[in-house]
Amino acid sequence: MAIVVVGGHSRSVGKTSVVAGLIAALAERNWTAFKITQYGHGVCSASGEECDCATPDHSLAVTEERDRNGETDTSRFLVAGAKRSIWVRTRQGLLAEAMPRVRKEIEGAENVIIESNSVLKFIRPDVYLTVLDFDTSDFKDSARNFLDRASAIILHASDAQRAAWENVSLKPVANRPMFRITPPPYVTPEVVEFVRAKLEAVHGPISAR
């Protein structure tokens, strides 16, 4: 089983678009796709909406997407060609509680692609891509903590002379492949071939099975 993880340093940098692009470009792998979301205080993990409840049933929710309207991130995964699409929501810092369910879903999959940084605490993927944008100042702790594990960087093209974020060094990934993108598209042929080659080096080509 191949496992690919796609993360990024902030919201709205294109993580979902990268996942969807890889699903479509490598459709032969019959992906099961996961989106992992951790909500902060006051936001319900069952619905994603604001709430003031603190009952146990609102600390964790794992649901399978059925709708193919393309309006949600998990629906976009299905539209791109994923065999299954699963949304995992937990309170911030409580992803460990969801991992037994996540691992059970992974065990039944042919190949897995996950949108998340934090899942790297529990899973060692074959490929970890992180999406960076010099023009977006926010830099998640989860992206910072796992930056050195990135197999490659997907970097938004920018005219900026330096990154908007502070106190983050790219030295841990100085020798990793870096693919520049000008969205759309978020996934270039070079990115696809990089991921394909990495997976085939470990699992062999699909046609050889």
Protein backbone atom coordinates (compact mmCIF):
# COMPACT_ATOMS: atom_id res chain seq x y z
CA MET A 1 0.00 0.00 0.00
CA ALA A 2 1.28 3.44 -0.98
CA ILE A 3 0.71 6.34 1.41
CA VAL A 4 1.04 9.99 0.36
CA VAL A 5 0.60 12.92 2.74
CA VAL A 6 0.11 16.50 1.56
CA GLY A 7 0.52 19.32 4.06
CA GLY A 8 1.10 23.03 4.02
CA HIS A 9 2.01 25.96 6.24
CA SER A 10 -1.39 27.66 6.27
CA ARG A 11 -4.98 27.54 5.13
CA SER A 12 -5.80 28.35 1.52
CA VAL A 13 -2.36 27.57 0.09
CA GLY A 14 -3.70 24.79 -2.14
CA LYS A 15 -3.36 21.58 -0.13
CA THR A 16 -6.75 20.29 -1.26
CA SER A 17 -5.99 21.20 -4.87
CA VAL A 18 -2.71 19.28 -4.72
CA VAL A 19 -4.44 16.20 -3.29
CA ALA A 20 -7.18 16.35 -5.94
CA GLY A 21 -4.61 16.84 -8.69
CA LEU A 22 -2.60 13.81 -7.62
CA ILE A 23 -5.73 11.67 -7.33
CA ALA A 24 -6.65 12.55 -10.91
CA ALA A 25 -3.13 12.18 -12.31
CA LEU A 26 -2.46 8.85 -10.59
CA ALA A 27 -5.97 7.43 -10.87
CA GLU A 28 -4.67 3.89 -11.39
CA ARG A 29 -3.90 3.71 -7.66
CA ASN A 30 -7.58 3.77 -6.66
CA TRP A 31 -7.02 6.20 -3.81
CA THR A 32 -8.80 6.39 -0.52
CA ALA A 33 -8.51 10.06 0.41
CA PHE A 34 -8.57 11.58 3.89
CA LYS A 35 -8.92 15.17 4.99
CA ILE A 36 -7.97 15.73 8.62
CA THR A 37 -9.22 18.86 10.36
CA GLN A 38 -8.47 19.88 13.94
CA TYR A 39 -10.73 22.53 15.36
CA GLY A 40 -9.96 24.99 18.12
CA HIS A 41 -11.91 25.81 21.24
CA GLY A 42 -15.57 26.55 20.68
CA VAL A 43 -15.88 24.81 17.32
CA CYS A 44 -17.68 21.50 16.99
CA SER A 45 -15.73 18.70 15.32
CA ALA A 46 -18.96 16.96 14.36
CA SER A 47 -20.28 19.83 12.24
CA GLY A 48 -17.43 22.31 11.89
CA GLU A 49 -19.68 25.06 13.24
CA GLU A 50 -19.35 27.18 16.36
CA CYS A 51 -20.79 25.61 19.49
CA ASP A 52 -20.49 25.86 23.26
CA CYS A 53 -20.93 22.18 24.00
CA ALA A 54 -18.15 20.00 25.37
CA THR A 55 -19.73 16.57 25.25
CA PRO A 56 -17.56 13.61 24.20
CA ASP A 57 -19.50 13.02 20.98
CA HIS A 58 -18.39 16.44 19.73
CA SER A 59 -14.68 15.81 20.26
CA LEU A 60 -14.36 13.41 17.34
CA ALA A 61 -16.15 12.76 14.07
CA VAL A 62 -15.19 10.53 11.12
CA THR A 63 -17.55 10.53 8.15
CA GLU A 64 -17.42 9.22 4.60
CA GLU A 65 -18.26 11.66 1.84
CA ARG A 66 -21.02 10.52 -0.52
CA ASP A 67 -21.82 13.73 -2.38
CA ARG A 68 -20.13 14.35 -5.72
CA ASN A 69 -21.19 17.95 -6.14
CA GLY A 70 -17.62 19.18 -5.74
CA GLU A 71 -18.65 21.85 -3.23
CA THR A 72 -16.62 20.52 -0.29
CA ASP A 73 -13.00 19.46 -0.11
CA THR A 74 -13.87 15.81 0.45
CA SER A 75 -16.37 15.94 -2.42
CA ARG A 76 -13.64 17.33 -4.65
CA PHE A 77 -11.59 14.22 -3.91
CA LEU A 78 -14.43 12.04 -5.18
CA VAL A 79 -14.84 14.18 -8.29
CA ALA A 80 -11.11 13.82 -8.94
CA GLY A 81 -11.50 10.05 -8.93
CA ALA A 82 -10.94 8.85 -5.37
CA LYS A 83 -12.51 5.48 -4.62
CA ARG A 84 -13.49 6.75 -1.15
CA SER A 85 -13.20 10.09 0.64
CA ILE A 86 -13.20 10.43 4.43
CA TRP A 87 -13.31 13.54 6.62
CA VAL A 88 -11.74 13.28 10.08
CA ARG A 89 -12.47 16.07 12.57
CA THR A 90 -11.07 16.33 16.08
CA ARG A 91 -10.46 18.97 18.68
CA GLN A 92 -7.04 20.57 18.43
CA GLY A 93 -4.41 18.23 19.83
CA LEU A 94 -6.70 15.19 20.04
CA LEU A 95 -5.92 13.54 16.71
CA ALA A 96 -4.54 10.51 18.59
CA GLU A 97 -8.10 9.66 19.63
CA ALA A 98 -9.13 9.37 15.98
CA MET A 99 -6.18 7.28 14.85
CA PRO A 100 -7.64 3.82 15.67
CA ARG A 101 -10.54 4.59 13.32
CA VAL A 102 -8.21 6.12 10.73
CA ARG A 103 -5.91 3.09 10.80
CA LYS A 104 -8.90 0.79 10.37
CA GLU A 105 -9.97 2.73 7.27
CA ILE A 106 -6.40 2.66 5.96
CA GLU A 107 -6.16 -1.11 6.38
CA GLY A 108 -9.06 -1.59 4.00
CA ALA A 109 -7.67 0.75 1.33
CA GLU A 110 -5.66 -0.01 -1.79
CA ASN A 111 -3.64 3.21 -1.60
CA VAL A 112 -4.03 6.25 0.65
CA ILE A 113 -3.59 10.00 0.26
CA ILE A 114 -4.05 12.28 3.28
CA GLU A 115 -4.38 16.04 3.58
CA SER A 116 -2.72 16.85 6.91
CA ASN A 117 0.51 17.79 8.66
CA SER A 118 -0.25 16.42 12.10
CA VAL A 119 -0.90 12.87 10.90
CA LEU A 120 2.88 12.55 10.52
CA LYS A 121 3.00 12.03 14.29
CA PHE A 122 1.39 8.65 13.71
CA ILE A 123 2.11 7.62 10.11
CA ARG A 124 5.31 7.45 8.06
CA PRO A 125 4.25 7.94 4.44
CA ASP A 126 6.12 7.04 1.28
CA VAL A 127 5.87 10.67 0.17
CA TYR A 128 5.23 13.86 2.14
CA LEU A 129 4.71 17.03 0.11
CA THR A 130 4.39 20.40 1.80
CA VAL A 131 2.87 23.43 0.07
CA LEU A 132 4.46 26.81 0.81
CA ASP A 133 3.51 30.35 -0.24
CA PHE A 134 5.90 33.24 0.43
CA ASP A 135 2.96 35.68 0.34
CA THR A 136 1.08 34.01 3.23
CA SER A 137 2.48 35.01 6.61
CA ASP A 138 0.87 32.35 8.83
CA PHE A 139 3.00 29.27 9.46
CA LYS A 140 1.37 26.43 11.39
CA ASP A 141 3.36 24.75 14.14
CA SER A 142 2.52 21.39 12.60
CA ALA A 143 4.08 22.43 9.29
CA ARG A 144 7.15 23.78 11.06
CA ASN A 145 7.59 20.66 13.17
CA PHE A 146 7.55 18.30 10.21
CA LEU A 147 9.25 20.45 7.60
CA ASP A 148 12.42 18.36 7.73
CA ARG A 149 10.42 15.26 6.76
CA ALA A 150 9.23 16.74 3.48
CA SER A 151 10.11 14.65 0.42
CA ALA A 152 9.67 17.76 -1.73
CA ILE A 153 8.39 21.32 -1.57
CA ILE A 154 5.60 22.73 -3.72
CA LEU A 155 6.25 26.48 -3.77
CA HIS A 156 3.92 29.14 -5.11
CA ALA A 157 5.60 31.47 -7.59
CA SER A 158 6.02 34.93 -6.07
CA ASP A 159 7.69 38.25 -6.75
CA ALA A 160 8.50 38.61 -3.06
CA GLN A 161 12.19 38.83 -2.25
CA ARG A 162 11.64 37.07 1.05
CA ALA A 163 8.92 35.05 2.72
CA ALA A 164 6.18 36.86 4.65
CA TRP A 165 6.55 34.43 7.53
CA GLU A 166 9.11 35.02 10.29
CA ASN A 167 11.50 32.77 12.19
CA VAL A 168 11.13 29.86 9.79
CA SER A 169 14.18 28.51 8.01
CA LEU A 170 14.09 26.39 4.87
CA LYS A 171 17.53 24.98 5.62
CA PRO A 172 16.06 21.59 6.67
CA VAL A 173 14.80 21.13 3.10
CA ALA A 174 17.59 22.90 1.24
CA ASN A 175 18.53 19.71 -0.62
CA ARG A 176 14.98 18.52 -1.34
CA PRO A 177 13.31 18.88 -4.74
CA MET A 178 11.36 22.13 -5.08
CA PHE A 179 8.55 22.47 -7.59
CA ARG A 180 7.32 25.97 -8.38
CA ILE A 181 3.69 26.37 -9.29
CA THR A 182 1.59 29.20 -10.70
CA PRO A 183 -1.99 28.19 -9.88
CA PRO A 184 -3.91 26.96 -11.60
CA PRO A 185 -2.70 24.25 -11.89
CA TYR A 186 -1.43 23.21 -8.48
CA VAL A 187 0.04 19.93 -9.72
CA THR A 188 2.53 20.04 -12.58
CA PRO A 189 3.72 17.07 -14.67
CA GLU A 190 7.00 17.26 -12.76
CA VAL A 191 5.21 16.84 -9.43
CA VAL A 192 3.25 13.89 -10.76
CA GLU A 193 6.35 12.15 -12.10
CA PHE A 194 8.20 12.75 -8.83
CA VAL A 195 5.43 11.13 -6.80
CA ARG A 196 5.00 8.28 -9.28
CA ALA A 197 8.72 7.51 -9.25
CA LYS A 198 8.90 7.57 -5.44
CA LEU A 199 5.95 5.18 -5.13
CA GLU A 200 7.16 2.82 -7.85
CA ALA A 201 10.60 2.66 -6.22
CA VAL A 202 8.96 1.21 -3.12
CA HIS A 203 5.87 -0.61 -4.41
CA GLY A 204 6.63 -1.16 -8.09
CA PRO A 205 4.53 0.04 -11.03
CA ILE A 206 0.84 -0.85 -11.08
CA SER A 207 1.20 -2.75 -14.36
CA ALA A 208 3.86 -5.04 -12.85
CA ARG A 209 1.50 -6.43 -10.18
